[in-house]
Amino acid sequence: MTRPSLRKALDAGKFVAAPGIHDMITAVVANKVGFDFVYSSGFWGTASAQGLPDAGITTYTEMRERVATLCRTVNASVIADADTGYGGLLNVDHTIRGYEQAGAIAIQIEDQEFPKKCGHTPNKRVIPLQDMLDKIKVACAARANPEETLIIARTDARQVEGYDGAVARGLAFQDAGADVVFVEALESEAEMRDACSRIEKPMMANMADGGKTPIRSASQLEEIGYQMAIFPSITGLAAAAAAEHALKVLKTEGTSNSPNLELFDFAEFNQLIGFQEVWDFEKKWARD
């Protein structure tokens, strides 16, 4: 199966909106709905797999396996969050190679100190600019397929060095070779517009529901000046809300067969998850 090319989409001027896919149930539902690109979030991958906060607790090995599983499950191309690259320059080299081999078509690294924190939580710290520029250069050199595997460079300096400091880092990131620049946690539409006007490389917006950045639609973000946007929390928060509602119905009514509870069709879900292939295999090979 040929997957969509992010580079070709950006070069063609197509705005890319990628939902966050936090688990494989959501992945097969995304296949039904149809997306060209999806996002593998460190926050939501950690929460769904480990029940832990995005605070640098999970390892490279755990997250690479999560990315590989998502790439195997979805039809879309996967944009993957690789945190800080999980250490120094050698770690960055290893991370980019591993994520690319796992199937990611774009890999995001950031300039936080390791261990990092979610970009929309307090007490973040960033590494010296030159250290991040070295990471970007190593990441770009590590790719086996630089024509198709893009490097997204994220700065978390907005809450540490102020708005101007964050944009200055973004400008330096593009000069270091990043394919896409990601200035995280901007705090107003005015900041978003100004950053997009000053940074020439494609800009990515983070539409993290409940975070510091104002939520705007895909069409609004394109008008502001972004070329792509991730919606990392949409499925995780929606799933949590649906699960809470279902559990409350069960606790109150003692049953799942309730007019107050909408459930996904079980037979259709079996098809989405691949049971038809299992049944076809058994029909062909199983003995009576």
Protein backbone atom coordinates (compact mmCIF):
# COMPACT_ATOMS: atom_id res chain seq x y z
CA MET A 1 0.00 0.00 0.00
CA THR A 2 1.35 3.39 -1.02
CA ARG A 3 0.88 5.96 1.71
CA PRO A 4 0.46 9.70 1.17
CA SER A 5 3.64 11.80 1.02
CA LEU A 6 3.76 14.67 3.49
CA ARG A 7 6.46 16.43 1.51
CA LYS A 8 4.38 16.30 -1.67
CA ALA A 9 1.31 17.53 0.19
CA LEU A 10 3.18 20.51 1.64
CA ASP A 11 4.92 21.29 -1.66
CA ALA A 12 1.53 21.29 -3.38
CA GLY A 13 0.18 23.78 -0.85
CA LYS A 14 -2.31 21.30 0.64
CA PHE A 15 -3.17 22.05 4.25
CA VAL A 16 -2.58 18.98 6.40
CA ALA A 17 -4.80 18.33 9.43
CA ALA A 18 -3.74 15.26 11.40
CA PRO A 19 -5.78 13.86 14.29
CA GLY A 20 -3.98 12.31 17.22
CA ILE A 21 -4.49 8.54 17.37
CA HIS A 22 -4.00 7.38 20.94
CA ASP A 23 -4.74 3.65 20.62
CA MET A 24 -5.40 0.98 18.03
CA ILE A 25 -9.18 0.94 18.46
CA THR A 26 -9.11 4.58 17.41
CA ALA A 27 -6.71 3.65 14.61
CA VAL A 28 -9.14 1.25 12.94
CA VAL A 29 -11.98 3.75 13.35
CA ALA A 30 -9.75 6.36 11.66
CA ASN A 31 -9.33 3.93 8.77
CA LYS A 32 -13.13 3.86 8.41
CA VAL A 33 -13.43 7.66 8.48
CA GLY A 34 -10.43 8.17 6.20
CA PHE A 35 -7.41 10.39 6.81
CA ASP A 36 -4.24 10.92 4.79
CA PHE A 37 -2.16 11.75 7.87
CA VAL A 38 -2.43 10.97 11.58
CA TYR A 39 -0.33 11.96 14.58
CA SER A 40 1.29 9.73 17.19
CA SER A 41 1.46 11.83 20.36
CA GLY A 42 3.91 11.16 23.15
CA PHE A 43 1.40 12.45 25.70
CA TRP A 44 -1.47 10.27 24.53
CA GLY A 45 0.64 7.25 23.66
CA THR A 46 2.04 7.30 27.19
CA ALA A 47 -1.37 7.83 28.77
CA SER A 48 -3.11 5.09 26.79
CA ALA A 49 -0.36 2.48 27.02
CA GLN A 50 0.97 3.14 30.53
CA GLY A 51 -1.59 5.28 32.34
CA LEU A 52 1.22 7.72 33.09
CA PRO A 53 1.80 11.44 32.52
CA ASP A 54 3.90 12.81 29.67
CA ALA A 55 6.93 13.59 31.83
CA GLY A 56 9.78 11.69 30.21
CA ILE A 57 8.87 8.44 31.97
CA THR A 58 8.41 6.14 28.99
CA THR A 59 11.46 4.97 27.05
CA TYR A 60 12.52 5.14 23.43
CA THR A 61 11.95 1.40 23.06
CA GLU A 62 8.38 1.62 24.36
CA MET A 63 7.45 4.58 22.18
CA ARG A 64 9.09 3.21 19.04
CA GLU A 65 7.06 0.03 19.46
CA ARG A 66 3.93 2.13 19.84
CA VAL A 67 4.74 4.01 16.62
CA ALA A 68 5.46 0.75 14.78
CA THR A 69 2.13 -0.71 15.88
CA LEU A 70 0.27 2.40 14.74
CA CYS A 71 2.06 2.42 11.38
CA ARG A 72 1.09 -1.22 10.90
CA THR A 73 -2.56 -0.57 11.82
CA VAL A 74 -3.50 2.66 10.04
CA ASN A 75 -3.83 3.31 6.33
CA ALA A 76 -2.68 6.91 6.81
CA SER A 77 0.87 8.19 6.97
CA VAL A 78 2.09 8.66 10.53
CA ILE A 79 3.65 11.83 11.94
CA ALA A 80 5.45 10.75 15.12
CA ASP A 81 6.40 12.61 18.29
CA ALA A 82 9.92 11.58 19.33
CA ASP A 83 10.18 13.90 22.35
CA THR A 84 13.77 15.12 22.79
CA GLY A 85 15.24 12.27 20.77
CA TYR A 86 15.61 10.47 24.12
CA GLY A 87 18.99 11.89 25.06
CA GLY A 88 22.09 13.27 23.35
CA LEU A 89 23.18 13.33 19.74
CA LEU A 90 23.82 9.60 19.47
CA ASN A 91 20.35 8.97 20.91
CA VAL A 92 18.83 11.34 18.36
CA ASP A 93 20.57 9.48 15.53
CA HIS A 94 19.29 6.15 16.87
CA THR A 95 15.77 7.53 17.40
CA ILE A 96 15.41 8.92 13.88
CA ARG A 97 16.63 5.69 12.32
CA GLY A 98 14.34 3.61 14.52
CA TYR A 99 11.23 5.71 13.97
CA GLU A 100 11.85 5.80 10.22
CA GLN A 101 12.24 2.02 10.14
CA ALA A 102 9.02 1.76 12.16
CA GLY A 103 7.20 3.55 9.34
CA ALA A 104 6.93 7.21 10.42
CA ILE A 105 7.02 9.70 7.53
CA ALA A 106 7.70 12.71 9.75
CA ILE A 107 9.52 12.76 13.09
CA GLN A 108 9.24 15.56 15.64
CA ILE A 109 11.98 16.43 18.13
CA GLU A 110 11.97 19.24 20.68
CA ASP A 111 14.39 21.46 22.60
CA GLN A 112 13.32 20.63 26.15
CA GLU A 113 15.74 19.28 28.69
CA PHE A 114 15.49 15.54 29.22
CA PRO A 115 13.29 14.32 30.85
CA LYS A 116 10.74 16.51 29.13
CA LYS A 117 7.19 17.56 30.04
CA CYS A 118 4.00 18.08 28.12
CA GLY A 119 4.28 21.36 26.20
CA HIS A 120 1.16 22.78 27.84
CA THR A 121 2.16 22.12 31.45
CA PRO A 122 4.36 24.29 33.73
CA ASN A 123 8.02 24.09 34.71
CA LYS A 124 9.49 23.32 31.30
CA ARG A 125 13.19 23.97 30.66
CA VAL A 126 14.95 24.17 27.31
CA ILE A 127 18.47 23.19 26.30
CA PRO A 128 20.94 25.74 24.87
CA LEU A 129 20.09 26.74 21.31
CA GLN A 130 23.30 25.36 19.82
CA ASP A 131 22.63 21.97 21.37
CA MET A 132 19.25 21.84 19.65
CA LEU A 133 20.71 22.96 16.33
CA ASP A 134 23.16 20.07 16.56
CA LYS A 135 20.25 17.72 17.24
CA ILE A 136 18.44 18.96 14.15
CA LYS A 137 21.49 18.48 11.97
CA VAL A 138 22.05 14.97 13.32
CA ALA A 139 18.36 14.14 12.79
CA CYS A 140 18.45 15.34 9.18
CA ALA A 141 21.62 13.34 8.48
CA ALA A 142 20.24 10.17 10.10
CA ARG A 143 17.34 9.73 7.67
CA ALA A 144 17.63 6.90 5.19
CA ASN A 145 15.11 8.62 2.88
CA PRO A 146 15.44 12.39 3.21
CA GLU A 147 13.09 12.97 0.28
CA GLU A 148 10.15 11.44 2.15
CA THR A 149 11.04 11.47 5.85
CA LEU A 150 10.61 14.97 7.26
CA ILE A 151 12.13 16.41 10.43
CA ILE A 152 9.83 18.61 12.52
CA ALA A 153 11.71 20.82 14.98
CA ARG A 154 9.75 22.03 18.00
CA THR A 155 10.67 24.74 20.47
CA ASP A 156 9.15 24.97 23.94
CA ALA A 157 10.83 28.31 24.64
CA ARG A 158 7.65 30.44 24.63
CA GLN A 159 7.10 30.04 28.37
CA VAL A 160 10.84 30.06 29.16
CA GLU A 161 12.44 32.72 26.95
CA GLY A 162 9.29 34.62 25.93
CA TYR A 163 7.64 34.98 22.55
CA ASP A 164 10.58 36.66 20.78
CA GLY A 165 12.97 34.04 22.11
CA ALA A 166 10.74 31.25 20.81
CA VAL A 167 10.51 32.77 17.35
CA ALA A 168 14.27 33.33 17.28
CA ARG A 169 14.71 29.64 17.94
CA GLY A 170 12.23 28.79 15.20
CA LEU A 171 14.21 30.90 12.72
CA ALA A 172 17.41 29.15 13.77
CA PHE A 173 15.72 25.75 13.39
CA GLN A 174 14.79 26.43 9.79
CA ASP A 175 18.36 27.53 9.03
CA ALA A 176 19.66 24.31 10.60
CA GLY A 177 17.68 22.26 8.08
CA ALA A 178 14.36 21.41 9.73
CA ASP A 179 11.65 20.68 7.17
CA VAL A 180 8.84 21.93 9.42
CA VAL A 181 9.03 24.37 12.35
CA PHE A 182 6.79 23.93 15.39
CA VAL A 183 6.64 26.83 17.88
CA GLU A 184 4.79 25.21 20.75
CA ALA A 185 2.24 26.76 23.12
CA LEU A 186 1.78 30.17 21.54
CA GLU A 187 -0.73 32.10 23.60
CA SER A 188 -2.75 34.22 21.17
CA GLU A 189 -3.82 34.38 17.55
CA ALA A 190 -1.66 37.50 17.17
CA GLU A 191 1.41 35.47 18.16
CA MET A 192 0.41 32.70 15.76
CA ARG A 193 0.04 35.11 12.86
CA ASP A 194 3.30 36.90 13.59
CA ALA A 195 5.29 33.67 13.93
CA CYS A 196 3.93 32.38 10.62
CA SER A 197 4.82 35.65 8.90
CA ARG A 198 8.42 35.56 10.17
CA ILE A 199 9.32 31.90 9.71
CA GLU A 200 9.55 30.80 6.08
CA LYS A 201 9.57 27.01 6.46
CA PRO A 202 6.20 25.26 6.78
CA MET A 203 4.74 25.90 10.20
CA MET A 204 2.83 23.38 12.30
CA ALA A 205 0.15 24.33 14.82
CA ASN A 206 -0.75 22.28 17.88
CA MET A 207 -4.49 22.30 18.53
CA ALA A 208 -4.25 20.78 22.01
CA ASP A 209 -7.71 21.05 23.55
CA GLY A 210 -7.39 22.62 26.98
CA GLY A 211 -3.87 23.91 26.26
CA LYS A 212 -2.40 27.39 25.99
CA THR A 213 -2.91 27.91 22.24
CA PRO A 214 -6.30 29.15 20.97
CA ILE A 215 -8.19 26.43 19.10
CA ARG A 216 -8.89 27.32 15.49
CA SER A 217 -10.33 25.32 12.61
CA ALA A 218 -8.21 23.96 9.77
CA SER A 219 -9.44 26.69 7.42
CA GLN A 220 -8.69 29.39 9.99
CA LEU A 221 -5.20 28.02 10.63
CA GLU A 222 -4.48 28.00 6.92
CA GLU A 223 -5.60 31.62 6.69
CA ILE A 224 -3.34 32.50 9.65
CA GLY A 225 -0.38 31.09 7.76
CA TYR A 226 0.10 27.49 8.94
CA GLN A 227 0.70 24.64 6.52
CA MET A 228 -0.26 21.84 8.89
CA ALA A 229 -1.88 21.20 12.25
CA ILE A 230 -2.10 18.36 14.69
CA PHE A 231 -5.14 17.71 16.88
CA PRO A 232 -3.39 15.41 19.36
CA SER A 233 -5.97 15.24 22.13
CA ILE A 234 -9.24 15.02 20.19
CA THR A 235 -9.64 11.24 20.23
CA GLY A 236 -8.15 10.69 23.68
CA LEU A 237 -10.41 13.23 25.36
CA ALA A 238 -13.44 12.06 23.35
CA ALA A 239 -12.75 8.44 24.30
CA ALA A 240 -12.34 9.37 27.98
CA ALA A 241 -15.64 11.24 27.93
CA ALA A 242 -17.42 8.34 26.21
CA ALA A 243 -15.95 5.81 28.63
CA GLU A 244 -16.96 7.89 31.64
CA HIS A 245 -20.51 8.19 30.32
CA ALA A 246 -20.75 4.45 29.62
CA LEU A 247 -19.47 3.53 33.07
CA LYS A 248 -21.90 5.91 34.73
CA VAL A 249 -24.80 4.36 32.80
CA LEU A 250 -23.69 0.88 33.86
CA LYS A 251 -23.26 1.93 37.49
CA THR A 252 -26.66 3.66 37.56
CA GLU A 253 -28.76 1.29 35.44
CA GLY A 254 -26.87 -1.98 35.84
CA THR A 255 -26.85 -2.71 32.11
CA SER A 256 -25.20 -1.76 28.84
CA ASN A 257 -28.50 -2.21 27.00
CA SER A 258 -29.75 1.31 27.66
CA PRO A 259 -31.35 4.00 25.49
CA ASN A 260 -28.98 6.37 27.27
CA LEU A 261 -25.90 4.64 25.88
CA GLU A 262 -24.76 4.60 22.26
CA LEU A 263 -22.36 1.77 21.43
CA PHE A 264 -20.36 1.10 18.29
CA ASP A 265 -21.79 -1.83 16.33
CA PHE A 266 -19.99 -5.01 17.41
CA ALA A 267 -20.27 -6.74 14.04
CA GLU A 268 -18.85 -3.73 12.24
CA PHE A 269 -16.03 -3.46 14.75
CA ASN A 270 -15.14 -7.10 14.09
CA GLN A 271 -14.78 -6.22 10.42
CA LEU A 272 -12.65 -3.16 11.18
CA ILE A 273 -10.28 -5.10 13.42
CA GLY A 274 -9.74 -7.82 10.81
CA PHE A 275 -11.83 -10.80 11.92
CA GLN A 276 -13.09 -11.38 8.37
CA GLU A 277 -9.57 -12.28 7.30
CA VAL A 278 -9.34 -14.73 10.20
CA TRP A 279 -12.63 -16.35 9.25
CA ASP A 280 -11.61 -16.57 5.60
CA PHE A 281 -8.32 -18.20 6.63
CA GLU A 282 -10.14 -20.74 8.79
CA LYS A 283 -12.55 -21.55 5.98
CA LYS A 284 -9.64 -22.23 3.67
CA TRP A 285 -7.31 -24.11 6.02
CA ALA A 286 -9.13 -25.42 9.07
CA ARG A 287 -10.04 -29.11 9.19
CA ASP A 288 -13.64 -30.07 9.84
